[in-house]
């Protein structure tokens, strides 16, 4: 499953989150910074030579107490995700008033 590979790559590669990489949401009571990953779509394609390829659309949410820190984590994450044959990447920054945390939302497409 692609989720296992994403979890392993991010939890080992982004040392500043200290393993706080979660599917779908951050569990209540967790510390920050943290990363949440959501697979939006995972599609299988057949090529002309009958080979199979996977396309994946992934959303990553990075949370931390400082804007500067979420942007630093974003750069590390982007470098890690390049190893997944990243084909498209977009980023949106904001502030989550409910949690009082800065947030970067990454929308990524890649092949594997």
C-alpha atoms as a PDB file:
ATOM      1  CA  UNK A   1       0.000   0.000   0.000  1.00  0.00           C
ATOM      2  CA  UNK A   2       1.219   3.471  -0.875  1.00  0.00           C
ATOM      3  CA  UNK A   3       0.169   4.782   2.554  1.00  0.00           C
ATOM      4  CA  UNK A   4       2.798   2.601   4.241  1.00  0.00           C
ATOM      5  CA  UNK A   5       5.530   3.970   1.970  1.00  0.00           C
ATOM      6  CA  UNK A   6       4.410   7.560   2.543  1.00  0.00           C
ATOM      7  CA  UNK A   7       4.297   7.071   6.313  1.00  0.00           C
ATOM      8  CA  UNK A   8       7.755   5.483   6.390  1.00  0.00           C
ATOM      9  CA  UNK A   9       9.325   8.157   4.166  1.00  0.00           C
ATOM     10  CA  UNK A  10       7.863  11.077   6.121  1.00  0.00           C
ATOM     11  CA  UNK A  11       8.288   9.700   9.641  1.00  0.00           C
ATOM     12  CA  UNK A  12      11.934   8.806   8.983  1.00  0.00           C
ATOM     13  CA  UNK A  13      12.800  11.768   6.765  1.00  0.00           C
ATOM     14  CA  UNK A  14      11.212  14.708   8.601  1.00  0.00           C
ATOM     15  CA  UNK A  15      13.087  14.556  11.882  1.00  0.00           C
ATOM     16  CA  UNK A  16      11.524  17.718  13.301  1.00  0.00           C
ATOM     17  CA  UNK A  17       8.094  16.033  13.591  1.00  0.00           C
ATOM     18  CA  UNK A  18       9.600  13.208  15.679  1.00  0.00           C
ATOM     19  CA  UNK A  19       7.397  10.518  14.113  1.00  0.00           C
ATOM     20  CA  UNK A  20       4.152  12.499  14.374  1.00  0.00           C
ATOM     21  CA  UNK A  21       2.853  11.520  10.936  1.00  0.00           C
ATOM     22  CA  UNK A  22      -0.808  10.468  10.888  1.00  0.00           C
ATOM     23  CA  UNK A  23      -3.420   9.322   8.379  1.00  0.00           C
ATOM     24  CA  UNK A  24      -6.483  11.593   8.034  1.00  0.00           C
ATOM     25  CA  UNK A  25      -6.222  13.597  11.303  1.00  0.00           C
ATOM     26  CA  UNK A  26      -4.016  14.428  14.278  1.00  0.00           C
ATOM     27  CA  UNK A  27      -5.162  12.418  17.314  1.00  0.00           C
ATOM     28  CA  UNK A  28      -6.336  14.517  20.242  1.00  0.00           C
ATOM     29  CA  UNK A  29      -3.599  15.388  22.714  1.00  0.00           C
ATOM     30  CA  UNK A  30      -0.701  15.015  20.257  1.00  0.00           C
ATOM     31  CA  UNK A  31       2.189  17.450  20.234  1.00  0.00           C
ATOM     32  CA  UNK A  32       3.209  19.607  17.278  1.00  0.00           C
ATOM     33  CA  UNK A  33       4.671  19.860  14.687  1.00  0.00           C
ATOM     34  CA  UNK A  34       2.739  17.098  12.951  1.00  0.00           C
ATOM     35  CA  UNK A  35       1.944  15.933   9.441  1.00  0.00           C
ATOM     36  CA  UNK A  36      -1.370  14.474   8.275  1.00  0.00           C
ATOM     37  CA  UNK A  37      -1.582  12.528   5.012  1.00  0.00           C
ATOM     38  CA  UNK A  38      -4.708  11.730   3.019  1.00  0.00           C
ATOM     39  CA  UNK A  39      -4.734   9.744  -0.209  1.00  0.00           C
ATOM     40  CA  UNK A  40      -7.337  11.499  -2.357  1.00  0.00           C
ATOM     41  CA  UNK A  41      -7.099   9.071  -5.290  1.00  0.00           C
ATOM     42  CA  UNK A  42      -4.947   6.046  -6.104  1.00  0.00           C
ATOM     43  CA  UNK A  43      -5.521   4.933  -9.702  1.00  0.00           C
ATOM     44  CA  UNK A  44      -4.134   2.059 -11.696  1.00  0.00           C
ATOM     45  CA  UNK A  45      -3.383   2.560 -15.419  1.00  0.00           C
ATOM     46  CA  UNK A  46      -2.447   0.024 -18.062  1.00  0.00           C
ATOM     47  CA  UNK A  47       0.182   1.081 -20.567  1.00  0.00           C
ATOM     48  CA  UNK A  48       0.424   0.121 -24.224  1.00  0.00           C
ATOM     49  CA  UNK A  49       2.807  -2.668 -23.324  1.00  0.00           C
ATOM     50  CA  UNK A  50       0.255  -3.977 -20.783  1.00  0.00           C
ATOM     51  CA  UNK A  51       2.422  -2.734 -17.941  1.00  0.00           C
ATOM     52  CA  UNK A  52       0.649  -1.331 -14.909  1.00  0.00           C
ATOM     53  CA  UNK A  53       1.304   2.127 -13.474  1.00  0.00           C
ATOM     54  CA  UNK A  54      -0.136   3.825 -10.424  1.00  0.00           C
ATOM     55  CA  UNK A  55      -1.070   7.496 -10.192  1.00  0.00           C
ATOM     56  CA  UNK A  56      -1.680   8.930  -6.756  1.00  0.00           C
ATOM     57  CA  UNK A  57      -3.124  12.241  -5.580  1.00  0.00           C
ATOM     58  CA  UNK A  58      -2.099  13.035  -2.032  1.00  0.00           C
ATOM     59  CA  UNK A  59      -2.907  15.833   0.393  1.00  0.00           C
ATOM     60  CA  UNK A  60      -0.443  16.584   3.177  1.00  0.00           C
ATOM     61  CA  UNK A  61      -1.276  18.979   6.003  1.00  0.00           C
ATOM     62  CA  UNK A  62       1.619  20.315   8.068  1.00  0.00           C
ATOM     63  CA  UNK A  63       0.828  21.922  11.441  1.00  0.00           C
ATOM     64  CA  UNK A  64       3.106  23.865  13.764  1.00  0.00           C
ATOM     65  CA  UNK A  65       3.143  26.827  16.131  1.00  0.00           C
ATOM     66  CA  UNK A  66       5.303  29.010  13.851  1.00  0.00           C
ATOM     67  CA  UNK A  67       4.841  29.973  10.203  1.00  0.00           C
ATOM     68  CA  UNK A  68       8.584  29.825   9.616  1.00  0.00           C
ATOM     69  CA  UNK A  69       8.719  26.259  10.952  1.00  0.00           C
ATOM     70  CA  UNK A  70       5.848  24.950   8.783  1.00  0.00           C
ATOM     71  CA  UNK A  71       7.569  26.422   5.723  1.00  0.00           C
ATOM     72  CA  UNK A  72      10.867  24.713   6.672  1.00  0.00           C
ATOM     73  CA  UNK A  73       9.051  21.395   7.087  1.00  0.00           C
ATOM     74  CA  UNK A  74       7.337  21.949   3.725  1.00  0.00           C
ATOM     75  CA  UNK A  75      10.722  22.148   1.982  1.00  0.00           C
ATOM     76  CA  UNK A  76      11.893  18.909   3.609  1.00  0.00           C
ATOM     77  CA  UNK A  77       8.622  17.160   2.700  1.00  0.00           C
ATOM     78  CA  UNK A  78       8.853  18.351  -0.896  1.00  0.00           C
ATOM     79  CA  UNK A  79      12.354  16.882  -1.191  1.00  0.00           C
ATOM     80  CA  UNK A  80      11.206  13.551   0.214  1.00  0.00           C
ATOM     81  CA  UNK A  81       8.162  13.373  -2.047  1.00  0.00           C
ATOM     82  CA  UNK A  82      10.333  14.029  -5.130  1.00  0.00           C
ATOM     83  CA  UNK A  83      11.564  10.447  -4.669  1.00  0.00           C
ATOM     84  CA  UNK A  84       7.984   9.311  -5.406  1.00  0.00           C
ATOM     85  CA  UNK A  85       8.197  10.742  -8.964  1.00  0.00           C
ATOM     86  CA  UNK A  86       6.262  13.902  -8.132  1.00  0.00           C
ATOM     87  CA  UNK A  87       4.472  15.229 -11.236  1.00  0.00           C
ATOM     88  CA  UNK A  88       2.419  18.103  -9.783  1.00  0.00           C
ATOM     89  CA  UNK A  89       2.679  20.126  -6.610  1.00  0.00           C
ATOM     90  CA  UNK A  90       0.706  22.996  -5.135  1.00  0.00           C
ATOM     91  CA  UNK A  91       0.882  24.650  -1.732  1.00  0.00           C
ATOM     92  CA  UNK A  92      -1.445  26.804   0.334  1.00  0.00           C
ATOM     93  CA  UNK A  93      -0.509  28.435   3.643  1.00  0.00           C
ATOM     94  CA  UNK A  94      -2.845  29.529   6.385  1.00  0.00           C
ATOM     95  CA  UNK A  95      -3.651  29.769  10.055  1.00  0.00           C
ATOM     96  CA  UNK A  96      -6.099  27.444  11.783  1.00  0.00           C
ATOM     97  CA  UNK A  97      -7.854  29.570  14.400  1.00  0.00           C
ATOM     98  CA  UNK A  98      -9.498  26.633  16.139  1.00  0.00           C
ATOM     99  CA  UNK A  99      -6.180  24.952  16.947  1.00  0.00           C
ATOM    100  CA  UNK A 100      -4.162  28.194  16.975  1.00  0.00           C
ATOM    101  CA  UNK A 101      -1.618  26.605  14.619  1.00  0.00           C
ATOM    102  CA  UNK A 102      -0.082  27.549  11.292  1.00  0.00           C
ATOM    103  CA  UNK A 103      -0.858  25.139   8.470  1.00  0.00           C
ATOM    104  CA  UNK A 104       0.500  24.346   5.046  1.00  0.00           C
ATOM    105  CA  UNK A 105      -1.690  22.260   2.741  1.00  0.00           C
ATOM    106  CA  UNK A 106       0.207  20.408   0.009  1.00  0.00           C
ATOM    107  CA  UNK A 107      -1.626  18.862  -2.929  1.00  0.00           C
ATOM    108  CA  UNK A 108       0.594  16.422  -4.817  1.00  0.00           C
ATOM    109  CA  UNK A 109       0.311  14.064  -7.746  1.00  0.00           C
ATOM    110  CA  UNK A 110       2.918  11.388  -8.361  1.00  0.00           C
ATOM    111  CA  UNK A 111       3.507   8.118 -10.174  1.00  0.00           C
ATOM    112  CA  UNK A 112       4.826   4.881  -8.755  1.00  0.00           C
END
